[in-house]
Amino acid sequence: MSEIIRDVAEMLDDLGMTTAAIRWKQVIESPDLSSYTFEQLMREVFTEQYIEAINKRTKGNLNNSKLTNKSAKIENLKSQNGRRYNDETVKQILRFGFVSSGLNVGIYGKTGAGKSYFTSALCYEACYQNYRCRYVDYCDLLDELISLANDNDKLKKYTKKLRQYSRFRILFIDDFCISRYSEQGIKCLYHLIKTRDELGFPTVFNSQHDPSEWGKTLSDDPECYGMLDGIRRRLTKGFTVQIVLE
């Protein structure tokens, strides 16, 4: 092995690119070396290292997202096997332009339609795309915020937690509107959605209830009407996915 070849291998290794260093030695010693263009040589050397880095980054993002169903895949988000989607809208969503545009994504369907699977698959892909995400159950989210908001000794924690949820680049909410909440719960939700809207950070949520029903299904407290309308107007600004069982 020539000195320059050894030097390059050592530099790659020192940079923490051990996989690329190993591949560099393999390619240089390969009988196919003379057939590679410079661009092909670079691809051969760095592809495995790149894939390794992406997988490591995705794993870290997934752990931070708290996503439970990590087996959900976006390639399954198309009309098939007794489920029908509005496929053109889904294709648009999967380009992730909604993130930079600050547009929300609402996923609707009956119980068992696959709403949670769709949301999970989208969250997995968002982690792969290197977005800072959080996947949370609707009731867990509101119960946590209400608990902190109702305790005077924990108001600072409430403010901190609300800020945390507000600043995830994409917030994924599973089973949105599955339970009714009193004024305190709706106030927490309103502040969260309002702040995310002001920041231009999208929220992805799934629900079995159409937005026209939210006035009754989010809360039956008459004091919440204004906040309910504010939540509906903000959350429905974006894309709508309808999942129909055939």
Protein backbone atom coordinates (compact mmCIF):
# COMPACT_ATOMS: atom_id res chain seq x y z
CA MET A 1 0.00 0.00 0.00
CA SER A 2 1.48 3.36 -1.06
CA GLU A 3 2.07 6.09 1.49
CA ILE A 4 -0.66 8.37 0.09
CA ILE A 5 -3.21 5.58 0.17
CA ARG A 6 -2.30 4.84 3.78
CA ASP A 7 -2.45 8.55 4.66
CA VAL A 8 -5.97 8.90 3.24
CA ALA A 9 -7.12 5.81 5.15
CA GLU A 10 -5.69 7.21 8.39
CA MET A 11 -7.29 10.62 7.86
CA LEU A 12 -10.69 9.05 7.27
CA ASP A 13 -10.25 6.89 10.35
CA ASP A 14 -9.21 9.90 12.47
CA LEU A 15 -12.35 11.73 11.31
CA GLY A 16 -14.44 8.89 12.65
CA MET A 17 -15.21 7.60 9.17
CA THR A 18 -13.97 4.07 9.77
CA THR A 19 -16.40 2.50 7.31
CA ALA A 20 -15.22 4.85 4.54
CA ALA A 21 -11.57 4.11 5.44
CA ILE A 22 -12.16 0.37 5.08
CA ARG A 23 -14.03 0.86 1.82
CA TRP A 24 -11.26 3.15 0.52
CA LYS A 25 -8.68 0.40 0.95
CA GLN A 26 -10.99 -2.15 -0.71
CA VAL A 27 -11.70 0.06 -3.73
CA ILE A 28 -8.07 1.09 -4.24
CA GLU A 29 -7.01 -2.57 -4.27
CA SER A 30 -9.90 -3.62 -6.52
CA PRO A 31 -9.19 -4.67 -10.12
CA ASP A 32 -12.16 -2.49 -11.15
CA LEU A 33 -10.46 0.69 -9.96
CA SER A 34 -9.33 1.75 -13.44
CA SER A 35 -12.93 1.72 -14.70
CA TYR A 36 -14.17 4.24 -12.09
CA THR A 37 -14.58 7.91 -12.85
CA PHE A 38 -13.67 10.27 -10.00
CA GLU A 39 -17.35 10.69 -9.12
CA GLN A 40 -17.91 6.93 -9.08
CA LEU A 41 -14.85 6.47 -6.88
CA MET A 42 -16.18 8.97 -4.35
CA ARG A 43 -19.57 7.26 -4.34
CA GLU A 44 -18.00 3.85 -3.80
CA VAL A 45 -15.93 5.09 -0.89
CA PHE A 46 -18.55 7.11 0.97
CA THR A 47 -21.95 5.47 0.28
CA GLU A 48 -21.77 2.91 3.11
CA GLN A 49 -20.53 5.58 5.54
CA TYR A 50 -23.37 7.87 4.52
CA ILE A 51 -26.02 5.16 4.99
CA GLU A 52 -24.56 4.31 8.39
CA ALA A 53 -24.72 7.98 9.45
CA ILE A 54 -28.31 8.39 8.21
CA ASN A 55 -29.43 5.25 10.06
CA LYS A 56 -27.78 6.43 13.27
CA ARG A 57 -29.36 9.88 12.94
CA THR A 58 -32.79 8.39 12.22
CA LYS A 59 -32.54 6.09 15.24
CA GLY A 60 -31.76 9.07 17.48
CA ASN A 61 -34.64 11.09 16.03
CA LEU A 62 -37.03 8.16 16.52
CA ASN A 63 -36.02 7.74 20.15
CA ASN A 64 -36.57 11.45 20.79
CA SER A 65 -39.93 11.39 18.99
CA LYS A 66 -41.37 8.79 21.41
CA LEU A 67 -42.95 7.02 18.42
CA THR A 68 -44.22 3.58 19.43
CA ASN A 69 -45.03 1.94 16.10
CA LYS A 70 -41.68 2.09 14.31
CA SER A 71 -42.75 -0.57 11.79
CA ALA A 72 -45.21 1.74 9.97
CA LYS A 73 -43.90 2.61 6.48
CA ILE A 74 -44.92 5.33 4.03
CA GLU A 75 -44.86 2.92 1.06
CA ASN A 76 -48.08 1.44 2.46
CA LEU A 77 -49.89 4.79 2.44
CA LYS A 78 -51.82 4.21 -0.78
CA SER A 79 -55.18 2.79 -1.74
CA GLN A 80 -54.94 -0.97 -1.33
CA ASN A 81 -56.12 -3.92 0.75
CA GLY A 82 -59.60 -2.52 1.42
CA ARG A 83 -58.46 1.01 2.29
CA ARG A 84 -58.93 3.98 0.01
CA TYR A 85 -57.05 7.27 0.37
CA ASN A 86 -57.21 10.53 -1.53
CA ASP A 87 -53.91 9.45 -3.09
CA GLU A 88 -52.92 12.70 -4.80
CA THR A 89 -53.16 14.59 -1.51
CA VAL A 90 -51.11 11.88 0.21
CA LYS A 91 -48.40 12.20 -2.45
CA GLN A 92 -48.23 15.94 -1.80
CA ILE A 93 -47.92 15.38 1.94
CA LEU A 94 -45.12 12.86 1.50
CA ARG A 95 -43.03 15.52 -0.23
CA PHE A 96 -43.02 17.31 3.16
CA GLY A 97 -43.58 20.74 1.65
CA PHE A 98 -46.23 21.27 4.32
CA VAL A 99 -43.45 21.68 6.90
CA SER A 100 -41.83 24.75 5.37
CA SER A 101 -45.29 26.13 4.55
CA GLY A 102 -46.48 25.69 8.15
CA LEU A 103 -49.55 23.75 7.03
CA ASN A 104 -51.21 21.13 9.21
CA VAL A 105 -52.26 17.62 8.23
CA GLY A 106 -55.56 16.16 9.45
CA ILE A 107 -56.18 12.42 9.00
CA TYR A 108 -59.80 11.29 9.29
CA GLY A 109 -61.58 7.95 9.23
CA LYS A 110 -63.69 5.54 11.23
CA THR A 111 -62.32 3.37 14.03
CA GLY A 112 -60.01 0.76 12.49
CA ALA A 113 -59.42 2.72 9.29
CA GLY A 114 -55.68 2.97 9.93
CA LYS A 115 -55.38 6.57 11.07
CA SER A 116 -52.76 5.82 13.72
CA TYR A 117 -50.75 3.75 11.24
CA PHE A 118 -50.77 6.63 8.76
CA THR A 119 -49.68 9.10 11.46
CA SER A 120 -46.93 6.74 12.67
CA ALA A 121 -45.60 6.17 9.16
CA LEU A 122 -45.48 9.90 8.53
CA CYS A 123 -43.66 10.46 11.84
CA TYR A 124 -41.11 7.75 10.99
CA GLU A 125 -40.41 9.40 7.64
CA ALA A 126 -40.15 12.82 9.29
CA CYS A 127 -37.48 11.42 11.61
CA TYR A 128 -35.64 10.02 8.59
CA GLN A 129 -35.88 13.45 6.96
CA ASN A 130 -34.22 14.83 10.14
CA TYR A 131 -37.13 16.84 11.52
CA ARG A 132 -37.37 17.25 15.30
CA CYS A 133 -40.68 15.54 16.09
CA ARG A 134 -42.82 14.36 18.97
CA TYR A 135 -45.56 11.72 18.76
CA VAL A 136 -48.11 11.93 21.57
CA ASP A 137 -51.51 10.54 22.50
CA TYR A 138 -54.17 13.27 22.74
CA CYS A 139 -55.38 12.35 26.23
CA ASP A 140 -51.84 11.91 27.55
CA LEU A 141 -50.94 15.34 26.19
CA LEU A 142 -53.87 17.18 27.76
CA ASP A 143 -53.79 15.23 31.03
CA GLU A 144 -50.13 16.15 31.45
CA LEU A 145 -50.68 19.83 30.70
CA ILE A 146 -53.78 20.07 32.91
CA SER A 147 -51.98 18.42 35.82
CA LEU A 148 -49.19 20.99 35.65
CA ALA A 149 -51.50 23.96 35.02
CA ASN A 150 -53.69 23.13 38.04
CA ASP A 151 -50.79 23.01 40.48
CA ASN A 152 -49.56 26.46 41.52
CA ASP A 153 -46.21 24.94 42.51
CA LYS A 154 -45.76 23.59 38.98
CA LEU A 155 -46.75 26.59 36.87
CA LYS A 156 -43.16 27.10 35.73
CA LYS A 157 -43.05 23.45 34.69
CA TYR A 158 -46.32 23.95 32.82
CA THR A 159 -44.91 26.94 30.93
CA LYS A 160 -41.75 24.99 30.12
CA LYS A 161 -43.69 21.93 28.95
CA LEU A 162 -46.04 24.02 26.84
CA ARG A 163 -43.04 25.72 25.23
CA GLN A 164 -41.45 22.33 24.57
CA TYR A 165 -44.52 20.97 22.78
CA SER A 166 -44.90 24.24 20.91
CA ARG A 167 -41.40 24.11 19.47
CA PHE A 168 -41.21 20.62 18.02
CA ARG A 169 -40.82 21.11 14.29
CA ILE A 170 -43.68 18.67 13.76
CA LEU A 171 -46.07 17.60 16.51
CA PHE A 172 -47.99 14.37 15.87
CA ILE A 173 -51.19 13.91 17.91
CA ASP A 174 -52.86 10.49 17.93
CA ASP A 175 -56.62 10.16 18.57
CA PHE A 176 -57.30 13.88 18.58
CA CYS A 177 -60.71 14.77 20.06
CA ILE A 178 -61.22 11.26 21.47
CA SER A 179 -62.38 12.67 24.85
CA ARG A 180 -64.18 15.81 26.01
CA TYR A 181 -62.36 18.23 28.31
CA SER A 182 -63.40 21.06 30.57
CA GLU A 183 -62.42 24.69 30.10
CA GLN A 184 -58.96 24.14 31.65
CA GLY A 185 -58.06 21.40 29.17
CA ILE A 186 -59.32 23.35 26.19
CA LYS A 187 -57.40 26.40 27.36
CA CYS A 188 -54.18 24.34 27.38
CA LEU A 189 -54.93 22.99 23.92
CA TYR A 190 -55.81 26.44 22.58
CA HIS A 191 -52.54 27.96 23.82
CA LEU A 192 -50.55 25.09 22.30
CA ILE A 193 -52.20 25.25 18.88
CA LYS A 194 -52.13 29.05 18.81
CA THR A 195 -48.41 29.17 19.63
CA ARG A 196 -47.53 26.54 17.04
CA ASP A 197 -49.55 28.43 14.45
CA GLU A 198 -47.74 31.66 15.25
CA LEU A 199 -44.38 29.90 14.95
CA GLY A 200 -45.40 28.33 11.64
CA PHE A 201 -44.82 24.81 12.97
CA PRO A 202 -47.22 22.18 11.57
CA THR A 203 -49.29 19.75 13.60
CA VAL A 204 -50.24 16.34 12.23
CA PHE A 205 -53.25 14.75 13.91
CA ASN A 206 -55.78 12.00 13.35
CA SER A 207 -59.41 11.94 14.43
CA GLN A 208 -62.61 10.00 13.90
CA HIS A 209 -64.55 13.27 14.28
CA ASP A 210 -65.01 15.76 11.46
CA PRO A 211 -64.06 19.37 12.34
CA SER A 212 -67.73 20.33 12.02
CA GLU A 213 -68.35 18.17 15.12
CA TRP A 214 -65.56 19.58 17.27
CA GLY A 215 -67.84 22.13 18.89
CA LYS A 216 -69.44 19.23 20.76
CA THR A 217 -66.78 16.51 20.79
CA LEU A 218 -63.86 18.57 22.12
CA SER A 219 -65.85 19.99 25.03
CA ASP A 220 -69.41 20.46 26.22
CA ASP A 221 -68.44 23.46 28.35
CA PRO A 222 -70.27 26.55 26.99
CA GLU A 223 -67.37 28.75 28.16
CA CYS A 224 -65.10 27.12 25.58
CA TYR A 225 -66.89 28.19 22.40
CA GLY A 226 -64.42 30.91 21.41
CA MET A 227 -61.39 28.73 22.05
CA LEU A 228 -62.95 25.78 20.21
CA ASP A 229 -63.50 27.95 17.16
CA GLY A 230 -59.91 29.19 17.36
CA ILE A 231 -58.57 25.62 17.56
CA ARG A 232 -60.69 24.50 14.60
CA ARG A 233 -59.72 27.44 12.38
CA ARG A 234 -56.02 26.94 12.99
CA LEU A 235 -55.80 23.15 12.86
CA THR A 236 -57.82 22.81 9.65
CA LYS A 237 -55.43 25.12 7.80
CA GLY A 238 -53.63 22.62 5.61
CA PHE A 239 -54.12 19.15 4.13
CA THR A 240 -56.92 16.66 4.77
CA VAL A 241 -56.52 12.91 4.39
CA GLN A 242 -59.65 10.78 4.25
CA ILE A 243 -59.28 7.03 4.85
CA VAL A 244 -62.28 4.99 3.71
CA LEU A 245 -62.78 1.29 4.40
CA GLU A 246 -64.17 -0.50 1.38
